[in-house]
C-alpha atoms as a PDB file:
ATOM      1  CA  MET A   1     -25.975 -30.340  20.692  1.00  0.00           C
ATOM      2  CA  LYS A   2     -28.447 -28.756  23.127  1.00  0.00           C
ATOM      3  CA  ARG A   3     -30.978 -31.507  22.453  1.00  0.00           C
ATOM      4  CA  VAL A   4     -28.418 -34.244  23.115  1.00  0.00           C
ATOM      5  CA  VAL A   5     -27.258 -32.695  26.386  1.00  0.00           C
ATOM      6  CA  LEU A   6     -30.804 -32.193  27.620  1.00  0.00           C
ATOM      7  CA  LEU A   7     -31.697 -35.829  26.862  1.00  0.00           C
ATOM      8  CA  CYS A   8     -28.585 -36.956  28.707  1.00  0.00           C
ATOM      9  CA  LEU A   9     -29.579 -34.865  31.721  1.00  0.00           C
ATOM     10  CA  LEU A  10     -33.089 -36.299  31.705  1.00  0.00           C
ATOM     11  CA  ALA A  11     -31.793 -39.841  31.414  1.00  0.00           C
ATOM     12  CA  ALA A  12     -29.556 -39.290  34.423  1.00  0.00           C
ATOM     13  CA  CYS A  13     -32.603 -38.444  36.489  1.00  0.00           C
ATOM     14  CA  GLY A  14     -34.546 -41.485  35.274  1.00  0.00           C
ATOM     15  CA  ARG A  15     -37.161 -39.439  33.432  1.00  0.00           C
ATOM     16  CA  SER A  16     -39.043 -40.732  30.453  1.00  0.00           C
ATOM     17  CA  ALA A  17     -37.767 -39.611  27.014  1.00  0.00           C
ATOM     18  CA  GLU A  18     -41.255 -39.936  25.580  1.00  0.00           C
ATOM     19  CA  ARG A  19     -42.218 -36.322  26.400  1.00  0.00           C
ATOM     20  CA  SER A  20     -40.444 -32.982  26.146  1.00  0.00           C
ATOM     21  CA  PRO A  21     -38.918 -31.651  29.399  1.00  0.00           C
ATOM     22  CA  THR A  22     -40.447 -28.605  30.998  1.00  0.00           C
ATOM     23  CA  PRO A  23     -38.320 -25.559  31.933  1.00  0.00           C
ATOM     24  CA  GLU A  24     -38.664 -26.561  35.594  1.00  0.00           C
ATOM     25  CA  GLU A  25     -37.283 -30.016  34.845  1.00  0.00           C
ATOM     26  CA  THR A  26     -34.383 -28.576  32.841  1.00  0.00           C
ATOM     27  CA  ALA A  27     -33.525 -26.234  35.691  1.00  0.00           C
ATOM     28  CA  ALA A  28     -33.570 -29.019  38.229  1.00  0.00           C
ATOM     29  CA  VAL A  29     -31.097 -31.308  36.463  1.00  0.00           C
ATOM     30  CA  ALA A  30     -27.429 -30.390  36.892  1.00  0.00           C
ATOM     31  CA  PRO A  31     -24.864 -31.853  34.500  1.00  0.00           C
ATOM     32  CA  ASP A  32     -22.066 -34.029  35.809  1.00  0.00           C
ATOM     33  CA  SER A  33     -19.108 -31.954  37.043  1.00  0.00           C
ATOM     34  CA  SER A  34     -16.811 -33.696  34.582  1.00  0.00           C
ATOM     35  CA  ALA A  35     -18.942 -32.301  31.747  1.00  0.00           C
ATOM     36  CA  LEU A  36     -18.453 -28.689  32.882  1.00  0.00           C
ATOM     37  CA  VAL A  37     -15.613 -26.418  31.760  1.00  0.00           C
ATOM     38  CA  VAL A  38     -14.900 -22.846  32.810  1.00  0.00           C
ATOM     39  CA  ALA A  39     -14.188 -19.870  30.559  1.00  0.00           C
ATOM     40  CA  ASP A  40     -10.736 -18.680  31.594  1.00  0.00           C
ATOM     41  CA  THR A  41      -8.433 -15.794  30.652  1.00  0.00           C
ATOM     42  CA  ALA A  42      -4.961 -15.890  29.135  1.00  0.00           C
ATOM     43  CA  THR A  43      -2.349 -13.432  27.904  1.00  0.00           C
ATOM     44  CA  VAL A  44      -1.515 -13.995  24.253  1.00  0.00           C
ATOM     45  CA  GLU A  45       0.841 -12.388  21.769  1.00  0.00           C
ATOM     46  CA  VAL A  46      -1.119 -11.510  18.629  1.00  0.00           C
ATOM     47  CA  PRO A  47       0.008  -9.652  15.493  1.00  0.00           C
ATOM     48  CA  LEU A  48      -1.020  -6.036  15.096  1.00  0.00           C
ATOM     49  CA  THR A  49      -3.562  -5.511  12.332  1.00  0.00           C
ATOM     50  CA  LEU A  50      -3.239  -2.071  10.781  1.00  0.00           C
ATOM     51  CA  PRO A  51      -5.045  -0.474   7.826  1.00  0.00           C
ATOM     52  CA  ALA A  52      -2.984   0.985   4.986  1.00  0.00           C
ATOM     53  CA  GLN A  53      -3.178   2.089   1.383  1.00  0.00           C
ATOM     54  CA  LEU A  54      -0.633   0.975  -1.180  1.00  0.00           C
ATOM     55  CA  TYR A  55       1.314   3.560  -3.135  1.00  0.00           C
ATOM     56  CA  VAL A  56       4.432   3.976  -5.262  1.00  0.00           C
ATOM     57  CA  GLU A  57       7.154   6.604  -4.939  1.00  0.00           C
ATOM     58  CA  HIS A  58       6.945   7.573  -8.612  1.00  0.00           C
ATOM     59  CA  ASP A  59       3.423   8.758  -9.409  1.00  0.00           C
ATOM     60  CA  ALA A  60       3.258  12.046 -11.269  1.00  0.00           C
ATOM     61  CA  ALA A  61       1.083  14.246 -13.413  1.00  0.00           C
ATOM     62  CA  LEU A  62       2.834  15.313 -16.623  1.00  0.00           C
ATOM     63  CA  TYR A  63       2.235  18.896 -17.723  1.00  0.00           C
ATOM     64  CA  ALA A  64       2.783  20.847 -20.899  1.00  0.00           C
ATOM     65  CA  ARG A  65       5.996  22.813 -20.451  1.00  0.00           C
ATOM     66  CA  SER A  66       5.286  25.119 -23.368  1.00  0.00           C
ATOM     67  CA  GLY A  67       2.182  26.304 -25.186  1.00  0.00           C
ATOM     68  CA  GLY A  68       1.040  24.903 -28.508  1.00  0.00           C
ATOM     69  CA  VAL A  69      -1.295  22.577 -30.367  1.00  0.00           C
ATOM     70  CA  ILE A  70      -1.012  18.832 -29.754  1.00  0.00           C
ATOM     71  CA  GLU A  71       0.199  17.281 -32.996  1.00  0.00           C
ATOM     72  CA  ALA A  72       0.517  13.591 -32.057  1.00  0.00           C
ATOM     73  CA  ILE A  73      -0.254  11.253 -29.136  1.00  0.00           C
ATOM     74  CA  LEU A  74       2.115   8.285 -28.856  1.00  0.00           C
ATOM     75  CA  ALA A  75       0.867   6.646 -25.636  1.00  0.00           C
ATOM     76  CA  ASP A  76      -2.660   5.890 -24.477  1.00  0.00           C
ATOM     77  CA  LEU A  77      -4.312   4.956 -21.192  1.00  0.00           C
ATOM     78  CA  GLY A  78      -2.784   1.712 -19.912  1.00  0.00           C
ATOM     79  CA  THR A  79       0.370   1.919 -22.056  1.00  0.00           C
ATOM     80  CA  ARG A  80       3.614   0.805 -20.440  1.00  0.00           C
ATOM     81  CA  VAL A  81       6.409   3.252 -21.205  1.00  0.00           C
ATOM     82  CA  GLU A  82      10.133   3.513 -20.540  1.00  0.00           C
ATOM     83  CA  ALA A  83      11.994   6.455 -19.056  1.00  0.00           C
ATOM     84  CA  GLY A  84      12.621   9.052 -21.768  1.00  0.00           C
ATOM     85  CA  GLN A  85       9.905   7.732 -24.095  1.00  0.00           C
ATOM     86  CA  VAL A  86       7.920  10.444 -25.933  1.00  0.00           C
ATOM     87  CA  LEU A  87       4.216  10.362 -25.012  1.00  0.00           C
ATOM     88  CA  ALA A  88       2.999  13.269 -27.167  1.00  0.00           C
ATOM     89  CA  ARG A  89       4.271  16.003 -29.467  1.00  0.00           C
ATOM     90  CA  LEU A  90       3.206  19.617 -29.846  1.00  0.00           C
ATOM     91  CA  GLU A  91       3.450  21.419 -33.186  1.00  0.00           C
ATOM     92  CA  SER A  92       7.088  22.453 -33.412  1.00  0.00           C
ATOM     93  CA  ALA A  93       7.682  23.965 -36.873  1.00  0.00           C
ATOM     94  CA  ASP A  94       8.707  27.346 -35.444  1.00  0.00           C
ATOM     95  CA  GLN A  95      10.967  25.759 -32.830  1.00  0.00           C
ATOM     96  CA  ALA A  96      12.578  23.518 -35.486  1.00  0.00           C
ATOM     97  CA  ILE A  97      13.343  26.546 -37.693  1.00  0.00           C
ATOM     98  CA  ALA A  98      14.790  28.460 -34.752  1.00  0.00           C
ATOM     99  CA  LEU A  99      16.917  25.435 -33.819  1.00  0.00           C
ATOM    100  CA  ALA A 100      18.286  25.114 -37.365  1.00  0.00           C
ATOM    101  CA  GLN A 101      19.201  28.822 -37.413  1.00  0.00           C
ATOM    102  CA  ALA A 102      20.911  28.554 -34.027  1.00  0.00           C
ATOM    103  CA  ARG A 103      22.937  25.559 -35.221  1.00  0.00           C
ATOM    104  CA  GLU A 104      24.038  27.485 -38.292  1.00  0.00           C
ATOM    105  CA  ARG A 105      25.102  30.510 -36.258  1.00  0.00           C
ATOM    106  CA  HIS A 106      26.921  28.279 -33.807  1.00  0.00           C
ATOM    107  CA  ALA A 107      28.776  26.519 -36.598  1.00  0.00           C
ATOM    108  CA  ASN A 108      29.864  29.834 -38.128  1.00  0.00           C
ATOM    109  CA  ALA A 109      30.922  31.206 -34.758  1.00  0.00           C
ATOM    110  CA  LYS A 110      32.952  28.063 -34.083  1.00  0.00           C
ATOM    111  CA  ILE A 111      34.833  28.488 -37.382  1.00  0.00           C
ATOM    112  CA  GLN A 112      35.546  32.131 -36.585  1.00  0.00           C
ATOM    113  CA  VAL A 113      36.804  31.433 -33.075  1.00  0.00           C
ATOM    114  CA  GLU A 114      39.091  28.603 -34.195  1.00  0.00           C
ATOM    115  CA  ARG A 115      40.579  30.859 -36.910  1.00  0.00           C
ATOM    116  CA  GLN A 116      40.968  33.725 -34.433  1.00  0.00           C
ATOM    117  CA  ARG A 117      42.790  31.473 -31.980  1.00  0.00           C
ATOM    118  CA  GLU A 118      45.291  30.478 -34.684  1.00  0.00           C
ATOM    119  CA  LEU A 119      45.888  34.119 -35.602  1.00  0.00           C
ATOM    120  CA  LYS A 120      46.313  35.017 -31.936  1.00  0.00           C
ATOM    121  CA  LEU A 121      49.047  32.407 -31.588  1.00  0.00           C
ATOM    122  CA  ALA A 122      50.733  33.927 -34.643  1.00  0.00           C
ATOM    123  CA  GLY A 123      50.460  37.355 -33.032  1.00  0.00           C
ATOM    124  CA  VAL A 124      48.640  39.030 -35.910  1.00  0.00           C
ATOM    125  CA  VAL A 125      45.406  40.017 -34.110  1.00  0.00           C
ATOM    126  CA  THR A 126      44.784  42.279 -31.171  1.00  0.00           C
ATOM    127  CA  GLN A 127      43.564  41.113 -27.773  1.00  0.00           C
ATOM    128  CA  ALA A 128      40.358  43.101 -28.212  1.00  0.00           C
ATOM    129  CA  ASP A 129      39.502  41.365 -31.503  1.00  0.00           C
ATOM    130  CA  SER A 130      40.185  37.966 -29.935  1.00  0.00           C
ATOM    131  CA  GLU A 131      37.928  38.675 -26.935  1.00  0.00           C
ATOM    132  CA  ARG A 132      35.128  39.908 -29.225  1.00  0.00           C
ATOM    133  CA  VAL A 133      35.175  36.690 -31.281  1.00  0.00           C
ATOM    134  CA  GLU A 134      35.276  34.558 -28.134  1.00  0.00           C
ATOM    135  CA  LEU A 135      32.243  36.436 -26.768  1.00  0.00           C
ATOM    136  CA  GLU A 136      30.301  35.924 -29.990  1.00  0.00           C
ATOM    137  CA  TYR A 137      31.069  32.196 -29.838  1.00  0.00           C
ATOM    138  CA  ARG A 138      29.791  31.868 -26.252  1.00  0.00           C
ATOM    139  CA  GLU A 139      26.616  33.741 -27.177  1.00  0.00           C
ATOM    140  CA  ALA A 140      26.098  31.373 -30.123  1.00  0.00           C
ATOM    141  CA  GLN A 141      26.509  28.390 -27.768  1.00  0.00           C
ATOM    142  CA  LEU A 142      23.882  29.746 -25.359  1.00  0.00           C
ATOM    143  CA  ALA A 143      21.502  30.552 -28.209  1.00  0.00           C
ATOM    144  CA  LEU A 144      21.852  26.979 -29.511  1.00  0.00           C
ATOM    145  CA  GLN A 145      21.144  25.554 -26.044  1.00  0.00           C
ATOM    146  CA  LYS A 146      18.022  27.713 -25.704  1.00  0.00           C
ATOM    147  CA  ALA A 147      16.746  26.776 -29.168  1.00  0.00           C
ATOM    148  CA  GLN A 148      17.340  23.092 -28.414  1.00  0.00           C
ATOM    149  CA  ARG A 149      15.440  23.372 -25.116  1.00  0.00           C
ATOM    150  CA  ASP A 150      12.529  25.218 -26.762  1.00  0.00           C
ATOM    151  CA  TYR A 151      12.316  22.384 -29.286  1.00  0.00           C
ATOM    152  CA  ASP A 152      12.597  19.669 -26.603  1.00  0.00           C
ATOM    153  CA  LEU A 153       9.762  21.241 -24.585  1.00  0.00           C
ATOM    154  CA  THR A 154       7.371  20.471 -27.440  1.00  0.00           C
ATOM    155  CA  ARG A 155       7.888  16.772 -26.590  1.00  0.00           C
ATOM    156  CA  ILE A 156       6.047  15.310 -23.577  1.00  0.00           C
ATOM    157  CA  VAL A 157       8.518  12.750 -22.232  1.00  0.00           C
ATOM    158  CA  ALA A 158       8.127  10.069 -19.530  1.00  0.00           C
ATOM    159  CA  PRO A 159      10.461  10.949 -16.624  1.00  0.00           C
ATOM    160  CA  PHE A 160      10.487   7.332 -15.408  1.00  0.00           C
ATOM    161  CA  ALA A 161       9.288   3.902 -16.478  1.00  0.00           C
ATOM    162  CA  GLY A 162       5.686   3.101 -15.628  1.00  0.00           C
ATOM    163  CA  LEU A 163       2.094   2.847 -16.728  1.00  0.00           C
ATOM    164  CA  VAL A 164      -0.044   5.638 -18.183  1.00  0.00           C
ATOM    165  CA  THR A 165      -2.906   5.864 -15.685  1.00  0.00           C
ATOM    166  CA  GLY A 166      -4.497   9.075 -16.933  1.00  0.00           C
ATOM    167  CA  ARG A 167      -4.717  10.989 -20.220  1.00  0.00           C
ATOM    168  CA  THR A 168      -6.350  14.344 -20.920  1.00  0.00           C
ATOM    169  CA  ALA A 169      -4.264  15.067 -24.029  1.00  0.00           C
ATOM    170  CA  ARG A 170      -6.272  15.263 -27.280  1.00  0.00           C
ATOM    171  CA  ILE A 171      -4.963  15.733 -30.815  1.00  0.00           C
ATOM    172  CA  GLY A 172      -5.581  19.291 -32.008  1.00  0.00           C
ATOM    173  CA  ARG A 173      -6.083  20.655 -28.487  1.00  0.00           C
ATOM    174  CA  LEU A 174      -4.449  24.001 -27.800  1.00  0.00           C
ATOM    175  CA  VAL A 175      -2.603  23.757 -24.500  1.00  0.00           C
ATOM    176  CA  ALA A 176      -0.927  26.367 -22.361  1.00  0.00           C
ATOM    177  CA  GLN A 177       2.141  25.921 -20.240  1.00  0.00           C
ATOM    178  CA  GLY A 178       1.134  24.020 -17.091  1.00  0.00           C
ATOM    179  CA  ASP A 179      -1.882  22.182 -18.550  1.00  0.00           C
ATOM    180  CA  SER A 180      -2.105  18.547 -17.355  1.00  0.00           C
ATOM    181  CA  LEU A 181      -1.774  16.010 -20.178  1.00  0.00           C
ATOM    182  CA  PHE A 182      -0.936  12.588 -18.661  1.00  0.00           C
ATOM    183  CA  ARG A 183      -0.605  10.780 -15.359  1.00  0.00           C
ATOM    184  CA  LEU A 184       2.216   8.263 -15.075  1.00  0.00           C
ATOM    185  CA  THR A 185       2.485   5.663 -12.303  1.00  0.00           C
ATOM    186  CA  ALA A 186       5.446   3.390 -11.699  1.00  0.00           C
ATOM    187  CA  LEU A 187       4.689  -0.322 -11.340  1.00  0.00           C
ATOM    188  CA  ALA A 188       7.227  -0.974  -8.583  1.00  0.00           C
ATOM    189  CA  PRO A 189       8.187  -0.888  -5.835  1.00  0.00           C
ATOM    190  CA  VAL A 190       4.744  -0.990  -4.187  1.00  0.00           C
ATOM    191  CA  LEU A 191       4.837   0.508  -0.691  1.00  0.00           C
ATOM    192  CA  ALA A 192       2.590   0.947   2.339  1.00  0.00           C
ATOM    193  CA  ALA A 193       2.979   3.300   5.298  1.00  0.00           C
ATOM    194  CA  VAL A 194       1.646   2.313   8.729  1.00  0.00           C
ATOM    195  CA  ARG A 195       1.754   3.872  12.169  1.00  0.00           C
ATOM    196  CA  VAL A 196       2.649   1.352  14.848  1.00  0.00           C
ATOM    197  CA  PRO A 197       1.658   2.007  18.500  1.00  0.00           C
ATOM    198  CA  GLU A 198       4.553   2.876  20.783  1.00  0.00           C
ATOM    199  CA  ALA A 199       4.202  -0.299  22.887  1.00  0.00           C
ATOM    200  CA  SER A 200       5.052  -2.458  19.872  1.00  0.00           C
ATOM    201  CA  ALA A 201       6.980  -0.047  17.674  1.00  0.00           C
ATOM    202  CA  PHE A 202      10.552  -0.700  18.741  1.00  0.00           C
ATOM    203  CA  GLY A 203      10.110  -4.467  18.684  1.00  0.00           C
ATOM    204  CA  ILE A 204       9.830  -4.233  14.888  1.00  0.00           C
ATOM    205  CA  ARG A 205      13.102  -3.753  13.041  1.00  0.00           C
ATOM    206  CA  ILE A 206      13.978  -2.879   9.457  1.00  0.00           C
ATOM    207  CA  GLY A 207      13.796  -6.105   7.458  1.00  0.00           C
ATOM    208  CA  ALA A 208      10.917  -7.547   9.506  1.00  0.00           C
ATOM    209  CA  GLU A 209       8.245  -9.253   7.406  1.00  0.00           C
ATOM    210  CA  ALA A 210       4.490  -8.650   7.509  1.00  0.00           C
ATOM    211  CA  GLU A 211       1.388 -10.220   5.971  1.00  0.00           C
ATOM    212  CA  VAL A 212      -0.699  -8.102   3.602  1.00  0.00           C
ATOM    213  CA  THR A 213      -4.355  -8.876   2.814  1.00  0.00           C
ATOM    214  CA  GLY A 214      -6.053  -7.135  -0.085  1.00  0.00           C
ATOM    215  CA  PRO A 215      -9.687  -6.103  -0.577  1.00  0.00           C
ATOM    216  CA  ARG A 216     -10.478  -9.322  -2.483  1.00  0.00           C
ATOM    217  CA  ASP A 217      -8.613 -11.571  -0.028  1.00  0.00           C
ATOM    218  CA  GLU A 218      -5.350 -11.356  -1.957  1.00  0.00           C
ATOM    219  CA  HIS A 219      -2.302 -12.250   0.103  1.00  0.00           C
ATOM    220  CA  ALA A 220       1.210 -10.858  -0.151  1.00  0.00           C
ATOM    221  CA  THR A 221       4.323 -10.510   1.964  1.00  0.00           C
ATOM    222  CA  ALA A 222       5.924  -7.164   2.737  1.00  0.00           C
ATOM    223  CA  LYS A 223       9.170  -6.133   4.377  1.00  0.00           C
ATOM    224  CA  VAL A 224       9.932  -3.068   6.509  1.00  0.00           C
ATOM    225  CA  VAL A 225      12.321  -0.878   4.506  1.00  0.00           C
ATOM    226  CA  ARG A 226      12.188   2.399   6.444  1.00  0.00           C
ATOM    227  CA  ALA A 227      11.201   3.433   9.955  1.00  0.00           C
ATOM    228  CA  SER A 228      11.043   6.739  11.771  1.00  0.00           C
ATOM    229  CA  PRO A 229      13.647   6.984  14.557  1.00  0.00           C
ATOM    230  CA  ALA A 230      11.170   8.782  16.836  1.00  0.00           C
ATOM    231  CA  ILE A 231       7.668   8.454  18.237  1.00  0.00           C
ATOM    232  CA  ASP A 232       5.122  11.003  17.060  1.00  0.00           C
ATOM    233  CA  PRO A 233       4.061  12.777  20.282  1.00  0.00           C
ATOM    234  CA  ALA A 234       0.611  13.641  18.911  1.00  0.00           C
ATOM    235  CA  SER A 235      -0.447  10.069  18.085  1.00  0.00           C
ATOM    236  CA  GLY A 236       1.996   7.997  20.145  1.00  0.00           C
ATOM    237  CA  THR A 237       2.953   6.006  17.063  1.00  0.00           C
ATOM    238  CA  ARG A 238       6.036   5.316  14.954  1.00  0.00           C
ATOM    239  CA  GLU A 239       5.769   5.523  11.178  1.00  0.00           C
ATOM    240  CA  MET A 240       7.076   2.587   9.153  1.00  0.00           C
ATOM    241  CA  VAL A 241       7.227   2.021   5.399  1.00  0.00           C
ATOM    242  CA  LEU A 242       6.875  -1.497   4.016  1.00  0.00           C
ATOM    243  CA  GLN A 243       7.582  -2.800   0.523  1.00  0.00           C
ATOM    244  CA  LEU A 244       5.733  -5.705  -1.071  1.00  0.00           C
ATOM    245  CA  VAL A 245       8.249  -8.426  -1.929  1.00  0.00           C
ATOM    246  CA  ARG A 246       6.189 -11.444  -3.017  1.00  0.00           C
ATOM    247  CA  GLY A 247       2.702 -12.897  -3.247  1.00  0.00           C
ATOM    248  CA  ASP A 248      -0.402 -11.749  -5.110  1.00  0.00           C
ATOM    249  CA  ARG A 249      -0.074  -8.622  -7.212  1.00  0.00           C
ATOM    250  CA  LEU A 250      -1.815  -5.649  -5.612  1.00  0.00           C
ATOM    251  CA  PRO A 251      -2.079  -2.383  -7.568  1.00  0.00           C
ATOM    252  CA  PRO A 252      -1.160   0.994  -6.056  1.00  0.00           C
ATOM    253  CA  GLY A 253      -4.133   2.637  -4.363  1.00  0.00           C
ATOM    254  CA  SER A 254      -5.507  -0.637  -2.918  1.00  0.00           C
ATOM    255  CA  SER A 255      -6.784  -0.526   0.672  1.00  0.00           C
ATOM    256  CA  VAL A 256      -5.155  -3.370   2.594  1.00  0.00           C
ATOM    257  CA  SER A 257      -4.753  -4.794   6.081  1.00  0.00           C
ATOM    258  CA  ILE A 258      -1.228  -5.391   7.377  1.00  0.00           C
ATOM    259  CA  ARG A 259      -0.401  -7.881  10.139  1.00  0.00           C
ATOM    260  CA  ILE A 260       2.932  -7.086  11.711  1.00  0.00           C
ATOM    261  CA  GLY A 261       4.764  -7.489  15.003  1.00  0.00           C
ATOM    262  CA  ALA A 262       2.881  -8.525  18.115  1.00  0.00           C
ATOM    263  CA  GLN A 263       1.052  -7.079  21.066  1.00  0.00           C
ATOM    264  CA  SER A 264       0.126  -8.623  24.416  1.00  0.00           C
ATOM    265  CA  ARG A 265      -3.598  -9.012  24.933  1.00  0.00           C
ATOM    266  CA  ARG A 266      -5.736 -10.524  27.678  1.00  0.00           C
ATOM    267  CA  VAL A 267      -8.395 -12.757  26.146  1.00  0.00           C
ATOM    268  CA  VAL A 268     -11.163 -15.133  27.226  1.00  0.00           C
ATOM    269  CA  THR A 269     -10.419 -18.753  26.334  1.00  0.00           C
ATOM    270  CA  VAL A 270     -12.325 -22.037  26.433  1.00  0.00           C
ATOM    271  CA  PRO A 271     -11.534 -25.585  25.335  1.00  0.00           C
ATOM    272  CA  ARG A 272     -12.200 -25.998  21.626  1.00  0.00           C
ATOM    273  CA  GLU A 273     -14.710 -28.766  22.287  1.00  0.00           C
ATOM    274  CA  ALA A 274     -16.911 -26.432  24.370  1.00  0.00           C
ATOM    275  CA  VAL A 275     -18.165 -24.667  21.224  1.00  0.00           C
ATOM    276  CA  ASP A 276     -19.840 -26.558  18.416  1.00  0.00           C
ATOM    277  CA  ALA A 277     -19.071 -26.213  14.728  1.00  0.00           C
ATOM    278  CA  GLU A 278     -21.899 -23.697  14.264  1.00  0.00           C
ATOM    279  CA  GLY A 279     -20.529 -21.357  16.947  1.00  0.00           C
ATOM    280  CA  TYR A 280     -22.885 -22.177  19.857  1.00  0.00           C
ATOM    281  CA  ALA A 281     -22.028 -23.003  23.471  1.00  0.00           C
ATOM    282  CA  LEU A 282     -24.269 -24.468  26.191  1.00  0.00           C
ATOM    283  CA  VAL A 283     -23.841 -22.238  29.253  1.00  0.00           C
ATOM    284  CA  TRP A 284     -24.748 -23.487  32.768  1.00  0.00           C
ATOM    285  CA  ASP A 285     -26.031 -20.559  34.819  1.00  0.00           C
ATOM    286  CA  SER A 286     -28.537 -20.235  37.678  1.00  0.00           C
ATOM    287  CA  ASN A 287     -29.205 -23.988  37.624  1.00  0.00           C
ATOM    288  CA  ARG A 288     -30.240 -24.026  33.980  1.00  0.00           C
ATOM    289  CA  THR A 289     -28.597 -24.375  30.588  1.00  0.00           C
ATOM    290  CA  THR A 290     -28.758 -21.695  27.927  1.00  0.00           C
ATOM    291  CA  LEU A 291     -27.733 -22.030  24.302  1.00  0.00           C
ATOM    292  CA  ARG A 292     -25.645 -18.980  23.437  1.00  0.00           C
ATOM    293  CA  PRO A 293     -23.966 -17.817  20.182  1.00  0.00           C
ATOM    294  CA  VAL A 294     -20.217 -17.312  20.567  1.00  0.00           C
ATOM    295  CA  THR A 295     -17.731 -15.529  18.293  1.00  0.00           C
ATOM    296  CA  LEU A 296     -14.354 -17.260  18.218  1.00  0.00           C
ATOM    297  CA  GLY A 297     -10.929 -15.854  17.472  1.00  0.00           C
ATOM    298  CA  GLY A 298      -7.616 -17.607  16.928  1.00  0.00           C
ATOM    299  CA  GLU A 299      -6.506 -21.044  18.033  1.00  0.00           C
ATOM    300  CA  LEU A 300      -4.433 -21.167  21.241  1.00  0.00           C
ATOM    301  CA  PRO A 301      -2.070 -23.787  22.708  1.00  0.00           C
ATOM    302  CA  GLY A 302      -3.584 -26.665  24.681  1.00  0.00           C
ATOM    303  CA  ASP A 303      -6.479 -27.184  22.271  1.00  0.00           C
ATOM    304  CA  ARG A 304      -8.083 -23.964  23.463  1.00  0.00           C
ATOM    305  CA  VAL A 305      -9.606 -21.145  21.444  1.00  0.00           C
ATOM    306  CA  GLU A 306     -10.022 -17.405  21.941  1.00  0.00           C
ATOM    307  CA  VAL A 307     -13.543 -16.104  22.564  1.00  0.00           C
ATOM    308  CA  VAL A 308     -14.088 -12.700  20.987  1.00  0.00           C
ATOM    309  CA  SER A 309     -17.645 -12.230  22.237  1.00  0.00           C
ATOM    310  CA  GLY A 310     -20.457 -14.163  23.897  1.00  0.00           C
ATOM    311  CA  LEU A 311     -18.755 -15.359  27.080  1.00  0.00           C
ATOM    312  CA  ALA A 312     -17.308 -13.778  30.219  1.00  0.00           C
ATOM    313  CA  PRO A 313     -14.458 -15.139  32.362  1.00  0.00           C
ATOM    314  CA  GLY A 314     -15.681 -17.609  34.995  1.00  0.00           C
ATOM    315  CA  GLU A 315     -18.809 -18.736  33.170  1.00  0.00           C
ATOM    316  CA  LYS A 316     -19.403 -22.478  33.080  1.00  0.00           C
ATOM    317  CA  LEU A 317     -20.076 -24.386  29.908  1.00  0.00           C
ATOM    318  CA  VAL A 318     -21.293 -27.903  29.251  1.00  0.00           C
ATOM    319  CA  ARG A 319     -18.662 -29.797  27.303  1.00  0.00           C
ATOM    320  CA  ALA A 320     -19.921 -30.791  23.860  1.00  0.00           C
ATOM    321  CA  GLY A 321     -19.178 -34.476  24.148  1.00  0.00           C
ATOM    322  CA  PRO A 322     -19.720 -37.096  21.406  1.00  0.00           C
END
């Protein structure tokens, strides 16, 4: 483009195109005023771009709730499980025996209390004997509940549906109460929390949509599902939670960019034709032309384009004509 413009300038002055122009000749030739455009400024409304990391509400480490040796592992890394599904079992022979004994005692106590109640109605037993049998029955009920819980704690159960994203459980490993065995992560809903500057915060309502871009240029749409009713005085921002609703699948933990709402910004603009396809503009300054690299932003109305860097307001450019 620079070569074409310079040749046009030389031709306008009647110079020969058989030799290269000197810097003095280039400086002396001014382009036609109709070929000059001026870098101007404009106020534009552009979406906010905010960093975020995706997460899910249900993401938990599963711990051993009783001590024992791991007897069986029923879910591995990457396994999808349902709520209530058993992931592993500890050895439970002692707990099973204790549970069977508690059931037997409870059954016997139930028979005794039912018989005692019949005799009480017939008036052939004392109040003290009736209360003693009732007490024994309640104690048998509590003992059965405890034995059942002790047995249940030997089963590592998924508290919600999701994907096994971590496993430290090993068959034959002796674990103590509180040892970590699995990590379980729900697959949905996938959420992102952002902090929106105060100037734009209250223009964004619950239900507003946003564009989400992933680390590998994945694209998804999210919707605002929760928003803080107040501005954080320390940061001057309002926290909002968005939920992915459609588009490319992005796993929890992904670092993403979220475009939401809008903010007013003063930008430098030039006609689109003033910058060539390779990002260069021919600037007229101090009676000479200079080829300068320019970084462009978004397209603007009137066939103009935002200039991110490379030009200042008021600078003159030679129009890149055909």
